Amino acid sequence: METQFDYLFKLLMIGDSGVGKSSLLLSFTAGTFDELSPTIGVDFKVKYVTVGGKKLKLAIWDTAGQERFRTLTSSYYRGAQGVVMVYDVTRRETFTNLSEVWAKEFELYSTNQDCIKMLVGNKVDKESQRVVTKQEGIEFARENGCLFIECSAKTHVNVQQCFDELVLKIVDTPSLLAEGAKGVKKNMFNQKTPEANAATGACC
């Protein structure tokens, strides 16, 4: 029997292949780390959290970063209250592609003008290999209206805080909170499950 909840929110994870989207999601939902193979199409996980005495169901969609899956994943922006944009602090191209690919894709496909964006610089456990500074992340977030945090899926540093801050911002946004309440009543996830749409895997 499904757990009872007060609000239902849809979160989407985007970014280049290999930046650690699936590892971040696994760290958040299961508290574990694994070197995962690239996601095929879209993966999906559920996490229940409690905020202000209310139980929230987070339906988190983990998209493939490879270009060949781009048309498949575009439809998953629909109705998302939060989007997590991930880059790898040790690979500059993954940061550059935020503005050249992912921010543009968000503007093109997002159907929610109040959707909260969280920018995440992952793999800070590899500090000696860092090529993107924290200040660069802060500036990008400021220019694009994003929350910002640096994380390590491997050591779990700031992973919980990343999702906590995103969810708190969603709950503090009246229009998104109202959508979350409606989602409980009508079940906003009438889309086919990822398993029905494509083979699922995970992305390191």
N, C-alpha and C. Protein backbone atom coordinates (compact mmCIF):
# COMPACT_ATOMS: atom_id res chain seq x y z
N MET A 1 0.84 -1.19 0.00
CA MET A 1 0.00 0.00 0.00
C MET A 1 0.89 1.25 0.00
N GLU A 2 0.55 2.24 -0.83
CA GLU A 2 1.39 3.40 -0.99
C GLU A 2 1.34 4.28 0.25
N THR A 3 2.47 4.85 0.59
CA THR A 3 2.57 5.75 1.73
C THR A 3 1.70 6.98 1.50
N GLN A 4 1.00 7.42 2.55
CA GLN A 4 0.18 8.63 2.45
C GLN A 4 1.09 9.86 2.46
N PHE A 5 0.70 10.89 1.70
CA PHE A 5 1.49 12.11 1.65
C PHE A 5 0.58 13.31 1.41
N ASP A 6 1.08 14.49 1.75
CA ASP A 6 0.29 15.72 1.64
C ASP A 6 0.55 16.49 0.35
N TYR A 7 1.77 16.36 -0.17
CA TYR A 7 2.13 17.08 -1.39
C TYR A 7 2.95 16.17 -2.29
N LEU A 8 2.79 16.36 -3.60
CA LEU A 8 3.53 15.58 -4.59
C LEU A 8 4.29 16.55 -5.49
N PHE A 9 5.61 16.44 -5.51
CA PHE A 9 6.43 17.32 -6.33
C PHE A 9 7.27 16.52 -7.31
N LYS A 10 7.40 17.10 -8.49
CA LYS A 10 8.21 16.48 -9.54
C LYS A 10 9.52 17.24 -9.67
N LEU A 11 10.63 16.52 -9.55
CA LEU A 11 11.96 17.10 -9.72
C LEU A 11 12.63 16.44 -10.92
N LEU A 12 13.46 17.20 -11.61
CA LEU A 12 14.14 16.70 -12.80
C LEU A 12 15.63 16.97 -12.67
N MET A 13 16.45 15.98 -13.00
CA MET A 13 17.90 16.15 -12.96
C MET A 13 18.45 16.17 -14.38
N ILE A 14 19.20 17.26 -14.70
CA ILE A 14 19.73 17.41 -16.05
C ILE A 14 21.22 17.74 -15.99
N GLY A 15 21.91 17.56 -17.11
CA GLY A 15 23.34 17.83 -17.20
C GLY A 15 24.02 16.81 -18.09
N ASP A 16 25.27 17.06 -18.41
CA ASP A 16 26.03 16.18 -19.30
C ASP A 16 26.14 14.77 -18.72
N SER A 17 26.40 13.82 -19.60
CA SER A 17 26.64 12.44 -19.18
C SER A 17 27.90 12.37 -18.33
N GLY A 18 27.83 11.61 -17.25
CA GLY A 18 29.01 11.38 -16.43
C GLY A 18 29.27 12.40 -15.34
N VAL A 19 28.38 13.41 -15.18
CA VAL A 19 28.62 14.43 -14.16
C VAL A 19 28.23 13.96 -12.76
N GLY A 20 27.46 12.85 -12.70
CA GLY A 20 27.11 12.29 -11.41
C GLY A 20 25.66 12.47 -11.00
N LYS A 21 24.78 12.68 -11.96
CA LYS A 21 23.36 12.87 -11.64
C LYS A 21 22.79 11.67 -10.91
N SER A 22 23.01 10.49 -11.44
CA SER A 22 22.45 9.28 -10.84
C SER A 22 23.10 8.97 -9.50
N SER A 23 24.40 9.26 -9.39
CA SER A 23 25.09 9.02 -8.13
C SER A 23 24.58 9.97 -7.04
N LEU A 24 24.31 11.22 -7.41
CA LEU A 24 23.72 12.17 -6.46
C LEU A 24 22.35 11.69 -6.02
N LEU A 25 21.57 11.22 -6.97
CA LEU A 25 20.22 10.74 -6.66
C LEU A 25 20.27 9.51 -5.75
N LEU A 26 21.20 8.61 -6.03
CA LEU A 26 21.35 7.40 -5.21
C LEU A 26 21.82 7.77 -3.80
N SER A 27 22.72 8.74 -3.73
CA SER A 27 23.21 9.20 -2.43
C SER A 27 22.06 9.79 -1.61
N PHE A 28 21.19 10.55 -2.27
CA PHE A 28 20.07 11.19 -1.58
C PHE A 28 18.99 10.20 -1.18
N THR A 29 18.62 9.30 -2.09
CA THR A 29 17.49 8.40 -1.82
C THR A 29 17.87 7.17 -1.02
N ALA A 30 19.12 6.71 -1.15
CA ALA A 30 19.52 5.46 -0.49
C ALA A 30 20.71 5.62 0.44
N GLY A 31 21.38 6.77 0.39
CA GLY A 31 22.53 7.00 1.25
C GLY A 31 23.74 6.16 0.87
N THR A 32 23.78 5.74 -0.39
CA THR A 32 24.90 4.90 -0.85
C THR A 32 25.56 5.54 -2.08
N PHE A 33 26.75 5.04 -2.42
CA PHE A 33 27.45 5.53 -3.61
C PHE A 33 27.88 4.34 -4.45
N ASP A 34 27.76 4.52 -5.76
CA ASP A 34 28.18 3.46 -6.67
C ASP A 34 28.67 4.12 -7.95
N GLU A 35 29.69 3.53 -8.56
CA GLU A 35 30.15 4.01 -9.87
C GLU A 35 29.20 3.42 -10.90
N LEU A 36 28.27 4.23 -11.35
CA LEU A 36 27.17 3.74 -12.18
C LEU A 36 27.44 3.97 -13.66
N SER A 37 26.87 3.11 -14.48
CA SER A 37 26.99 3.28 -15.93
C SER A 37 25.97 4.32 -16.41
N PRO A 38 26.19 4.92 -17.59
CA PRO A 38 25.31 5.99 -18.05
C PRO A 38 23.83 5.58 -18.14
N THR A 39 22.98 6.52 -17.76
CA THR A 39 21.53 6.29 -17.85
C THR A 39 21.11 6.11 -19.29
N ILE A 40 20.23 5.16 -19.52
CA ILE A 40 19.65 4.94 -20.84
C ILE A 40 18.25 5.54 -20.82
N GLY A 41 18.08 6.67 -21.48
CA GLY A 41 16.76 7.32 -21.49
C GLY A 41 16.51 8.06 -20.20
N VAL A 42 15.63 7.51 -19.36
CA VAL A 42 15.24 8.18 -18.11
C VAL A 42 15.09 7.15 -17.01
N ASP A 43 15.58 7.50 -15.83
CA ASP A 43 15.38 6.67 -14.64
C ASP A 43 14.50 7.46 -13.69
N PHE A 44 14.03 6.80 -12.65
CA PHE A 44 13.02 7.42 -11.79
C PHE A 44 13.13 6.88 -10.37
N LYS A 45 13.10 7.78 -9.39
CA LYS A 45 13.11 7.34 -7.99
C LYS A 45 12.16 8.21 -7.17
N VAL A 46 11.69 7.64 -6.07
CA VAL A 46 10.78 8.35 -5.18
C VAL A 46 11.43 8.48 -3.81
N LYS A 47 11.25 9.65 -3.21
CA LYS A 47 11.77 9.89 -1.86
C LYS A 47 10.70 10.64 -1.07
N TYR A 48 10.45 10.18 0.15
CA TYR A 48 9.50 10.86 1.03
C TYR A 48 10.27 11.69 2.04
N VAL A 49 9.88 12.96 2.20
CA VAL A 49 10.50 13.83 3.19
C VAL A 49 9.40 14.56 3.95
N THR A 50 9.74 15.05 5.13
CA THR A 50 8.77 15.80 5.93
C THR A 50 9.27 17.22 6.12
N VAL A 51 8.42 18.18 5.78
CA VAL A 51 8.76 19.60 5.93
C VAL A 51 7.61 20.29 6.66
N GLY A 52 7.91 20.91 7.78
CA GLY A 52 6.89 21.64 8.52
C GLY A 52 5.72 20.77 8.95
N GLY A 53 6.01 19.51 9.25
CA GLY A 53 4.96 18.60 9.68
C GLY A 53 4.15 18.00 8.55
N LYS A 54 4.46 18.37 7.32
CA LYS A 54 3.76 17.83 6.15
C LYS A 54 4.64 16.82 5.42
N LYS A 55 4.03 15.73 4.97
CA LYS A 55 4.78 14.69 4.26
C LYS A 55 4.76 14.97 2.77
N LEU A 56 5.94 15.01 2.18
CA LEU A 56 6.09 15.29 0.76
C LEU A 56 6.58 14.05 0.02
N LYS A 57 5.99 13.81 -1.13
CA LYS A 57 6.48 12.75 -2.02
C LYS A 57 7.23 13.42 -3.16
N LEU A 58 8.52 13.11 -3.26
CA LEU A 58 9.34 13.65 -4.34
C LEU A 58 9.50 12.60 -5.42
N ALA A 59 9.00 12.89 -6.59
CA ALA A 59 9.18 12.00 -7.75
C ALA A 59 10.32 12.59 -8.57
N ILE A 60 11.47 11.93 -8.56
CA ILE A 60 12.67 12.51 -9.14
C ILE A 60 13.05 11.77 -10.42
N TRP A 61 13.08 12.51 -11.52
CA TRP A 61 13.38 11.95 -12.83
C TRP A 61 14.84 12.24 -13.17
N ASP A 62 15.58 11.20 -13.45
CA ASP A 62 17.01 11.28 -13.74
C ASP A 62 17.20 11.05 -15.23
N THR A 63 17.57 12.12 -15.95
CA THR A 63 17.64 12.02 -17.41
C THR A 63 19.03 11.68 -17.91
N ALA A 64 19.08 11.07 -19.08
CA ALA A 64 20.36 10.75 -19.73
C ALA A 64 20.98 12.04 -20.26
N GLY A 65 22.31 12.14 -20.16
CA GLY A 65 22.99 13.34 -20.64
C GLY A 65 23.37 13.27 -22.11
N GLN A 66 23.37 12.07 -22.68
CA GLN A 66 23.81 11.93 -24.06
C GLN A 66 22.83 12.59 -25.03
N GLU A 67 23.37 13.19 -26.06
CA GLU A 67 22.56 13.94 -27.01
C GLU A 67 21.52 13.07 -27.70
N ARG A 68 21.83 11.80 -27.91
CA ARG A 68 20.89 10.95 -28.65
C ARG A 68 19.60 10.70 -27.88
N PHE A 69 19.59 10.99 -26.58
CA PHE A 69 18.38 10.80 -25.79
C PHE A 69 17.62 12.12 -25.57
N ARG A 70 18.12 13.21 -26.14
CA ARG A 70 17.58 14.53 -25.86
C ARG A 70 16.10 14.65 -26.20
N THR A 71 15.67 14.09 -27.32
CA THR A 71 14.25 14.20 -27.69
C THR A 71 13.37 13.40 -26.74
N LEU A 72 13.91 12.32 -26.20
CA LEU A 72 13.15 11.49 -25.26
C LEU A 72 12.95 12.23 -23.94
N THR A 73 13.99 12.90 -23.48
CA THR A 73 13.93 13.51 -22.15
C THR A 73 13.22 14.86 -22.15
N SER A 74 13.07 15.50 -23.28
CA SER A 74 12.47 16.83 -23.31
C SER A 74 11.06 16.86 -22.71
N SER A 75 10.29 15.80 -22.90
CA SER A 75 8.92 15.78 -22.40
C SER A 75 8.86 15.71 -20.88
N TYR A 76 9.96 15.31 -20.25
CA TYR A 76 9.94 15.16 -18.79
C TYR A 76 10.07 16.49 -18.05
N TYR A 77 10.33 17.58 -18.78
CA TYR A 77 10.33 18.90 -18.14
C TYR A 77 8.91 19.32 -17.76
N ARG A 78 7.93 18.75 -18.42
CA ARG A 78 6.55 19.18 -18.23
C ARG A 78 6.09 19.00 -16.79
N GLY A 79 5.65 20.10 -16.17
CA GLY A 79 5.09 20.02 -14.84
C GLY A 79 6.08 19.93 -13.70
N ALA A 80 7.39 20.02 -14.00
CA ALA A 80 8.38 19.92 -12.93
C ALA A 80 8.37 21.18 -12.06
N GLN A 81 8.38 20.98 -10.75
CA GLN A 81 8.48 22.12 -9.83
C GLN A 81 9.93 22.47 -9.50
N GLY A 82 10.84 21.53 -9.72
CA GLY A 82 12.25 21.77 -9.45
C GLY A 82 13.14 21.09 -10.46
N VAL A 83 14.22 21.75 -10.85
CA VAL A 83 15.19 21.17 -11.78
C VAL A 83 16.59 21.29 -11.18
N VAL A 84 17.30 20.17 -11.14
CA VAL A 84 18.67 20.14 -10.62
C VAL A 84 19.62 20.08 -11.82
N MET A 85 20.41 21.15 -12.01
CA MET A 85 21.36 21.23 -13.12
C MET A 85 22.75 20.88 -12.58
N VAL A 86 23.31 19.77 -13.06
CA VAL A 86 24.55 19.24 -12.48
C VAL A 86 25.72 19.36 -13.46
N TYR A 87 26.87 19.79 -12.92
CA TYR A 87 28.12 19.75 -13.69
C TYR A 87 29.21 19.14 -12.83
N ASP A 88 30.31 18.78 -13.48
CA ASP A 88 31.46 18.16 -12.82
C ASP A 88 32.54 19.22 -12.67
N VAL A 89 32.95 19.52 -11.44
CA VAL A 89 33.93 20.59 -11.22
C VAL A 89 35.30 20.26 -11.82
N THR A 90 35.52 19.00 -12.22
CA THR A 90 36.81 18.61 -12.82
C THR A 90 36.76 18.58 -14.35
N ARG A 91 35.60 18.89 -14.94
CA ARG A 91 35.46 18.87 -16.41
C ARG A 91 34.78 20.16 -16.85
N ARG A 92 35.57 21.08 -17.40
CA ARG A 92 35.05 22.40 -17.76
C ARG A 92 33.93 22.33 -18.80
N GLU A 93 34.02 21.40 -19.74
CA GLU A 93 32.99 21.36 -20.78
C GLU A 93 31.60 21.10 -20.19
N THR A 94 31.54 20.38 -19.07
CA THR A 94 30.24 20.12 -18.46
C THR A 94 29.65 21.39 -17.84
N PHE A 95 30.52 22.32 -17.46
CA PHE A 95 30.08 23.62 -16.94
C PHE A 95 29.69 24.54 -18.10
N THR A 96 30.51 24.54 -19.14
CA THR A 96 30.22 25.36 -20.32
C THR A 96 28.89 24.97 -20.95
N ASN A 97 28.60 23.68 -20.97
CA ASN A 97 27.37 23.20 -21.58
C ASN A 97 26.11 23.58 -20.81
N LEU A 98 26.28 24.03 -19.56
CA LEU A 98 25.10 24.49 -18.81
C LEU A 98 24.44 25.64 -19.55
N SER A 99 25.24 26.61 -20.00
CA SER A 99 24.67 27.76 -20.70
C SER A 99 24.42 27.46 -22.18
N GLU A 100 25.28 26.65 -22.77
CA GLU A 100 25.16 26.39 -24.21
C GLU A 100 24.07 25.37 -24.54
N VAL A 101 23.77 24.48 -23.58
CA VAL A 101 22.80 23.41 -23.85
C VAL A 101 21.65 23.41 -22.84
N TRP A 102 21.99 23.22 -21.57
CA TRP A 102 20.96 22.88 -20.59
C TRP A 102 20.07 24.03 -20.18
N ALA A 103 20.63 25.22 -20.01
CA ALA A 103 19.79 26.38 -19.67
C ALA A 103 18.83 26.69 -20.82
N LYS A 104 19.32 26.57 -22.05
CA LYS A 104 18.47 26.81 -23.22
C LYS A 104 17.37 25.76 -23.31
N GLU A 105 17.73 24.51 -23.03
CA GLU A 105 16.74 23.44 -23.09
C GLU A 105 15.66 23.65 -22.02
N PHE A 106 16.09 24.07 -20.84
CA PHE A 106 15.13 24.35 -19.77
C PHE A 106 14.14 25.42 -20.22
N GLU A 107 14.65 26.51 -20.78
CA GLU A 107 13.77 27.60 -21.22
C GLU A 107 12.82 27.13 -22.31
N LEU A 108 13.29 26.22 -23.14
CA LEU A 108 12.49 25.74 -24.27
C LEU A 108 11.38 24.78 -23.83
N TYR A 109 11.69 23.90 -22.89
CA TYR A 109 10.76 22.82 -22.56
C TYR A 109 10.01 22.98 -21.23
N SER A 110 10.53 23.79 -20.31
CA SER A 110 9.86 23.92 -19.03
C SER A 110 8.50 24.57 -19.20
N THR A 111 7.49 24.02 -18.54
CA THR A 111 6.12 24.54 -18.65
C THR A 111 5.73 25.33 -17.40
N ASN A 112 6.66 25.47 -16.47
CA ASN A 112 6.34 26.10 -15.20
C ASN A 112 7.23 27.32 -14.98
N GLN A 113 6.65 28.51 -15.06
CA GLN A 113 7.44 29.74 -14.94
C GLN A 113 8.05 29.94 -13.55
N ASP A 114 7.48 29.28 -12.54
CA ASP A 114 8.00 29.41 -11.18
C ASP A 114 8.94 28.27 -10.78
N CYS A 115 9.23 27.39 -11.71
CA CYS A 115 10.09 26.23 -11.42
C CYS A 115 11.41 26.68 -10.80
N ILE A 116 11.81 26.01 -9.71
CA ILE A 116 13.03 26.36 -9.00
C ILE A 116 14.21 25.60 -9.60
N LYS A 117 15.28 26.33 -9.89
CA LYS A 117 16.49 25.71 -10.45
C LYS A 117 17.57 25.65 -9.37
N MET A 118 18.19 24.49 -9.25
CA MET A 118 19.32 24.29 -8.34
C MET A 118 20.55 23.92 -9.15
N LEU A 119 21.58 24.74 -9.10
CA LEU A 119 22.84 24.45 -9.79
C LEU A 119 23.75 23.69 -8.84
N VAL A 120 24.27 22.56 -9.30
CA VAL A 120 25.10 21.70 -8.45
C VAL A 120 26.44 21.42 -9.11
N GLY A 121 27.51 21.80 -8.42
CA GLY A 121 28.86 21.42 -8.84
C GLY A 121 29.24 20.14 -8.10
N ASN A 122 29.31 19.04 -8.82
CA ASN A 122 29.57 17.74 -8.18
C ASN A 122 31.05 17.37 -8.27
N LYS A 123 31.42 16.38 -7.47
CA LYS A 123 32.76 15.77 -7.41
C LYS A 123 33.79 16.67 -6.74
N VAL A 124 33.37 17.40 -5.68
CA VAL A 124 34.33 18.23 -4.96
C VAL A 124 35.31 17.38 -4.15
N ASP A 125 35.08 16.06 -4.08
CA ASP A 125 36.06 15.18 -3.44
C ASP A 125 37.34 15.11 -4.27
N LYS A 126 37.28 15.53 -5.54
CA LYS A 126 38.46 15.54 -6.42
C LYS A 126 39.02 16.97 -6.50
N GLU A 127 39.20 17.60 -5.36
CA GLU A 127 39.60 19.01 -5.30
C GLU A 127 40.90 19.28 -6.06
N SER A 128 41.83 18.34 -6.03
CA SER A 128 43.11 18.55 -6.71
C SER A 128 42.96 18.59 -8.23
N GLN A 129 41.83 18.07 -8.74
CA GLN A 129 41.59 18.04 -10.19
C GLN A 129 40.61 19.13 -10.62
N ARG A 130 40.19 19.98 -9.69
CA ARG A 130 39.18 21.00 -9.98
C ARG A 130 39.66 21.97 -11.07
N VAL A 131 38.76 22.26 -12.03
CA VAL A 131 39.05 23.25 -13.07
C VAL A 131 37.98 24.34 -13.12
N VAL A 132 36.87 24.13 -12.42
CA VAL A 132 35.81 25.15 -12.34
C VAL A 132 35.77 25.65 -10.90
N THR A 133 35.99 26.95 -10.71
CA THR A 133 36.03 27.50 -9.35
C THR A 133 34.62 27.64 -8.78
N LYS A 134 34.58 27.69 -7.47
CA LYS A 134 33.29 27.89 -6.80
C LYS A 134 32.69 29.24 -7.18
N GLN A 135 33.53 30.25 -7.33
CA GLN A 135 33.06 31.58 -7.69
C GLN A 135 32.38 31.58 -9.07
N GLU A 136 32.91 30.79 -10.00
CA GLU A 136 32.29 30.68 -11.32
C GLU A 136 30.87 30.10 -11.20
N GLY A 137 30.73 29.11 -10.32
CA GLY A 137 29.41 28.53 -10.09
C GLY A 137 28.45 29.54 -9.48
N ILE A 138 28.94 30.31 -8.52
CA ILE A 138 28.13 31.34 -7.87
C ILE A 138 27.66 32.38 -8.90
N GLU A 139 28.56 32.80 -9.77
CA GLU A 139 28.21 33.81 -10.78
C GLU A 139 27.20 33.28 -11.78
N PHE A 140 27.37 32.02 -12.21
CA PHE A 140 26.41 31.43 -13.14
C PHE A 140 25.03 31.35 -12.49
N ALA A 141 25.01 30.92 -11.25
CA ALA A 141 23.73 30.80 -10.53
C ALA A 141 23.05 32.15 -10.40
N ARG A 142 23.82 33.18 -10.10
CA ARG A 142 23.26 34.53 -9.96
C ARG A 142 22.69 35.02 -11.28
N GLU A 143 23.42 34.78 -12.36
CA GLU A 143 22.98 35.25 -13.68
C GLU A 143 21.74 34.50 -14.18
N ASN A 144 21.57 33.26 -13.74
CA ASN A 144 20.49 32.44 -14.26
C ASN A 144 19.38 32.17 -13.24
N GLY A 145 19.43 32.87 -12.11
CA GLY A 145 18.36 32.73 -11.12
C GLY A 145 18.28 31.36 -10.48
N CYS A 146 19.44 30.77 -10.18
CA CYS A 146 19.49 29.42 -9.59
C CYS A 146 19.93 29.48 -8.13
N LEU A 147 19.50 28.50 -7.36
CA LEU A 147 20.16 28.21 -6.11
C LEU A 147 21.49 27.55 -6.47
N PHE A 148 22.45 27.53 -5.54
CA PHE A 148 23.74 26.94 -5.88
C PHE A 148 24.35 26.21 -4.68
N ILE A 149 24.95 25.06 -4.98
CA ILE A 149 25.68 24.31 -3.96
C ILE A 149 26.71 23.42 -4.65
N GLU A 150 27.80 23.13 -3.95
CA GLU A 150 28.77 22.15 -4.43
C GLU A 150 28.64 20.89 -3.58
N CYS A 151 28.73 19.73 -4.23
CA CYS A 151 28.47 18.45 -3.57
C CYS A 151 29.53 17.41 -3.94
N SER A 152 29.46 16.31 -3.20
CA SER A 152 30.19 15.10 -3.60
C SER A 152 29.26 13.92 -3.37
N ALA A 153 28.84 13.29 -4.45
CA ALA A 153 28.01 12.10 -4.31
C ALA A 153 28.80 10.98 -3.63
N LYS A 154 30.11 10.97 -3.86
CA LYS A 154 30.95 9.89 -3.33
C LYS A 154 31.07 9.97 -1.81
N THR A 155 31.28 11.17 -1.28
CA THR A 155 31.45 11.34 0.17
C THR A 155 30.17 11.83 0.84
N HIS A 156 29.13 12.07 0.04
CA HIS A 156 27.81 12.54 0.51
C HIS A 156 27.82 13.97 1.03
N VAL A 157 28.92 14.69 0.82
CA VAL A 157 29.00 16.08 1.28
C VAL A 157 27.95 16.94 0.57
N ASN A 158 27.10 17.59 1.36
CA ASN A 158 26.09 18.55 0.88
C ASN A 158 24.98 17.96 0.02
N VAL A 159 24.94 16.65 -0.14
CA VAL A 159 23.89 16.05 -0.98
C VAL A 159 22.51 16.26 -0.35
N GLN A 160 22.38 15.93 0.92
CA GLN A 160 21.12 16.13 1.62
C GLN A 160 20.73 17.61 1.61
N GLN A 161 21.71 18.47 1.87
CA GLN A 161 21.45 19.90 1.91
C GLN A 161 20.97 20.41 0.55
N CYS A 162 21.53 19.87 -0.52
CA CYS A 162 21.12 20.26 -1.87
C CYS A 162 19.62 20.08 -2.07
N PHE A 163 19.14 18.89 -1.79
CA PHE A 163 17.72 18.61 -2.00
C PHE A 163 16.85 19.30 -0.95
N ASP A 164 17.36 19.43 0.27
CA ASP A 164 16.60 20.13 1.31
C ASP A 164 16.34 21.58 0.91
N GLU A 165 17.38 22.26 0.43
CA GLU A 165 17.24 23.66 0.04
C GLU A 165 16.28 23.82 -1.14
N LEU A 166 16.39 22.90 -2.09
CA LEU A 166 15.50 22.95 -3.26
C LEU A 166 14.05 22.76 -2.83
N VAL A 167 13.79 21.77 -2.01
CA VAL A 167 12.42 21.48 -1.57
C VAL A 167 11.86 22.62 -0.72
N LEU A 168 12.68 23.19 0.16
CA LEU A 168 12.21 24.31 0.99
C LEU A 168 11.82 25.50 0.12
N LYS A 169 12.59 25.76 -0.93
CA LYS A 169 12.28 26.87 -1.84
C LYS A 169 10.98 26.60 -2.59
N ILE A 170 10.76 25.34 -2.98
CA ILE A 170 9.52 24.97 -3.66
C ILE A 170 8.33 25.19 -2.72
N VAL A 171 8.46 24.71 -1.49
CA VAL A 171 7.39 24.84 -0.50
C VAL A 171 7.10 26.30 -0.18
N ASP A 172 8.13 27.15 -0.26
CA ASP A 172 7.96 28.58 0.02
C ASP A 172 7.39 29.36 -1.16
N THR A 173 7.16 28.67 -2.28
CA THR A 173 6.61 29.32 -3.47
C THR A 173 5.13 28.94 -3.59
N PRO A 174 4.21 29.87 -3.29
CA PRO A 174 2.77 29.54 -3.22
C PRO A 174 2.22 28.78 -4.42
N SER A 175 2.60 29.19 -5.64
CA SER A 175 2.05 28.53 -6.83
C SER A 175 2.49 27.07 -6.91
N LEU A 176 3.74 26.81 -6.52
CA LEU A 176 4.27 25.44 -6.57
C LEU A 176 3.67 24.58 -5.47
N LEU A 177 3.45 25.18 -4.30
CA LEU A 177 2.82 24.46 -3.20
C LEU A 177 1.41 24.05 -3.59
N ALA A 178 0.69 24.96 -4.26
CA ALA A 178 -0.67 24.66 -4.71
C ALA A 178 -0.66 23.52 -5.72
N GLU A 179 0.32 23.52 -6.61
CA GLU A 179 0.44 22.43 -7.60
C GLU A 179 0.71 21.10 -6.90
N GLY A 180 1.55 21.15 -5.87
CA GLY A 180 1.87 19.94 -5.13
C GLY A 180 0.65 19.35 -4.46
N ALA A 181 -0.24 20.21 -3.98
CA ALA A 181 -1.47 19.74 -3.35
C ALA A 181 -2.41 19.13 -4.38
N LYS A 182 -2.48 19.76 -5.55
CA LYS A 182 -3.32 19.23 -6.62
C LYS A 182 -2.81 17.88 -7.11
N GLY A 183 -1.48 17.76 -7.13
CA GLY A 183 -0.86 16.53 -7.62
C GLY A 183 -1.27 15.32 -6.81
N VAL A 184 -1.52 15.53 -5.52
CA VAL A 184 -1.94 14.42 -4.66
C VAL A 184 -3.30 13.91 -5.09
N LYS A 185 -4.18 14.85 -5.47
CA LYS A 185 -5.57 14.49 -5.80
C LYS A 185 -5.70 13.83 -7.17
N LYS A 186 -4.99 14.39 -8.12
CA LYS A 186 -5.20 13.89 -9.50
C LYS A 186 -4.08 12.99 -10.01
N ASN A 187 -3.03 12.80 -9.19
CA ASN A 187 -1.87 12.02 -9.60
C ASN A 187 -1.32 12.54 -10.92
N MET A 188 -0.41 13.50 -10.80
CA MET A 188 0.11 14.18 -11.98
C MET A 188 1.04 13.30 -12.81
N PHE A 189 1.29 12.06 -12.35
CA PHE A 189 2.21 11.20 -13.10
C PHE A 189 1.46 10.09 -13.83
N ASN A 190 0.62 10.52 -14.75
CA ASN A 190 -0.10 9.55 -15.57
C ASN A 190 0.74 9.16 -16.78
N GLN A 191 1.94 9.75 -16.89
CA GLN A 191 2.84 9.33 -17.95
C GLN A 191 3.22 7.87 -17.73
N LYS A 192 3.63 7.23 -18.81
CA LYS A 192 4.14 5.87 -18.66
C LYS A 192 5.39 5.92 -17.80
N THR A 193 5.62 4.85 -17.08
CA THR A 193 6.81 4.79 -16.25
C THR A 193 8.04 4.73 -17.15
N PRO A 194 9.20 5.14 -16.63
CA PRO A 194 10.42 5.07 -17.43
C PRO A 194 10.69 3.67 -17.96
N GLU A 195 10.32 2.67 -17.15
CA GLU A 195 10.56 1.29 -17.58
C GLU A 195 9.78 0.97 -18.85
N ALA A 196 8.61 1.62 -18.98
CA ALA A 196 7.79 1.37 -20.16
C ALA A 196 8.31 2.14 -21.37
N ASN A 197 9.00 3.24 -21.11
CA ASN A 197 9.47 4.09 -22.19
C ASN A 197 10.84 3.67 -22.72
N ALA A 198 11.69 3.23 -21.82
CA ALA A 198 13.05 2.91 -22.25
C ALA A 198 13.71 2.03 -21.20
N ALA A 199 14.73 1.35 -21.62
CA ALA A 199 15.52 0.60 -20.64
C ALA A 199 16.11 1.60 -19.68
N THR A 200 16.15 1.25 -18.42
CA THR A 200 16.69 2.20 -17.44
C THR A 200 18.02 1.70 -16.93
N GLY A 201 18.84 2.66 -16.56
CA GLY A 201 20.13 2.33 -16.00
C GLY A 201 20.48 3.43 -15.03
N ALA A 202 21.72 3.75 -14.92
CA ALA A 202 22.11 4.83 -14.03
C ALA A 202 23.33 5.49 -14.61
N CYS A 203 23.59 6.69 -14.12
CA CYS A 203 24.67 7.48 -14.69
C CYS A 203 25.67 7.88 -13.62
N CYS A 204 26.92 7.61 -13.86
CA CYS A 204 27.91 8.03 -12.88
C CYS A 204 28.16 9.50 -13.02
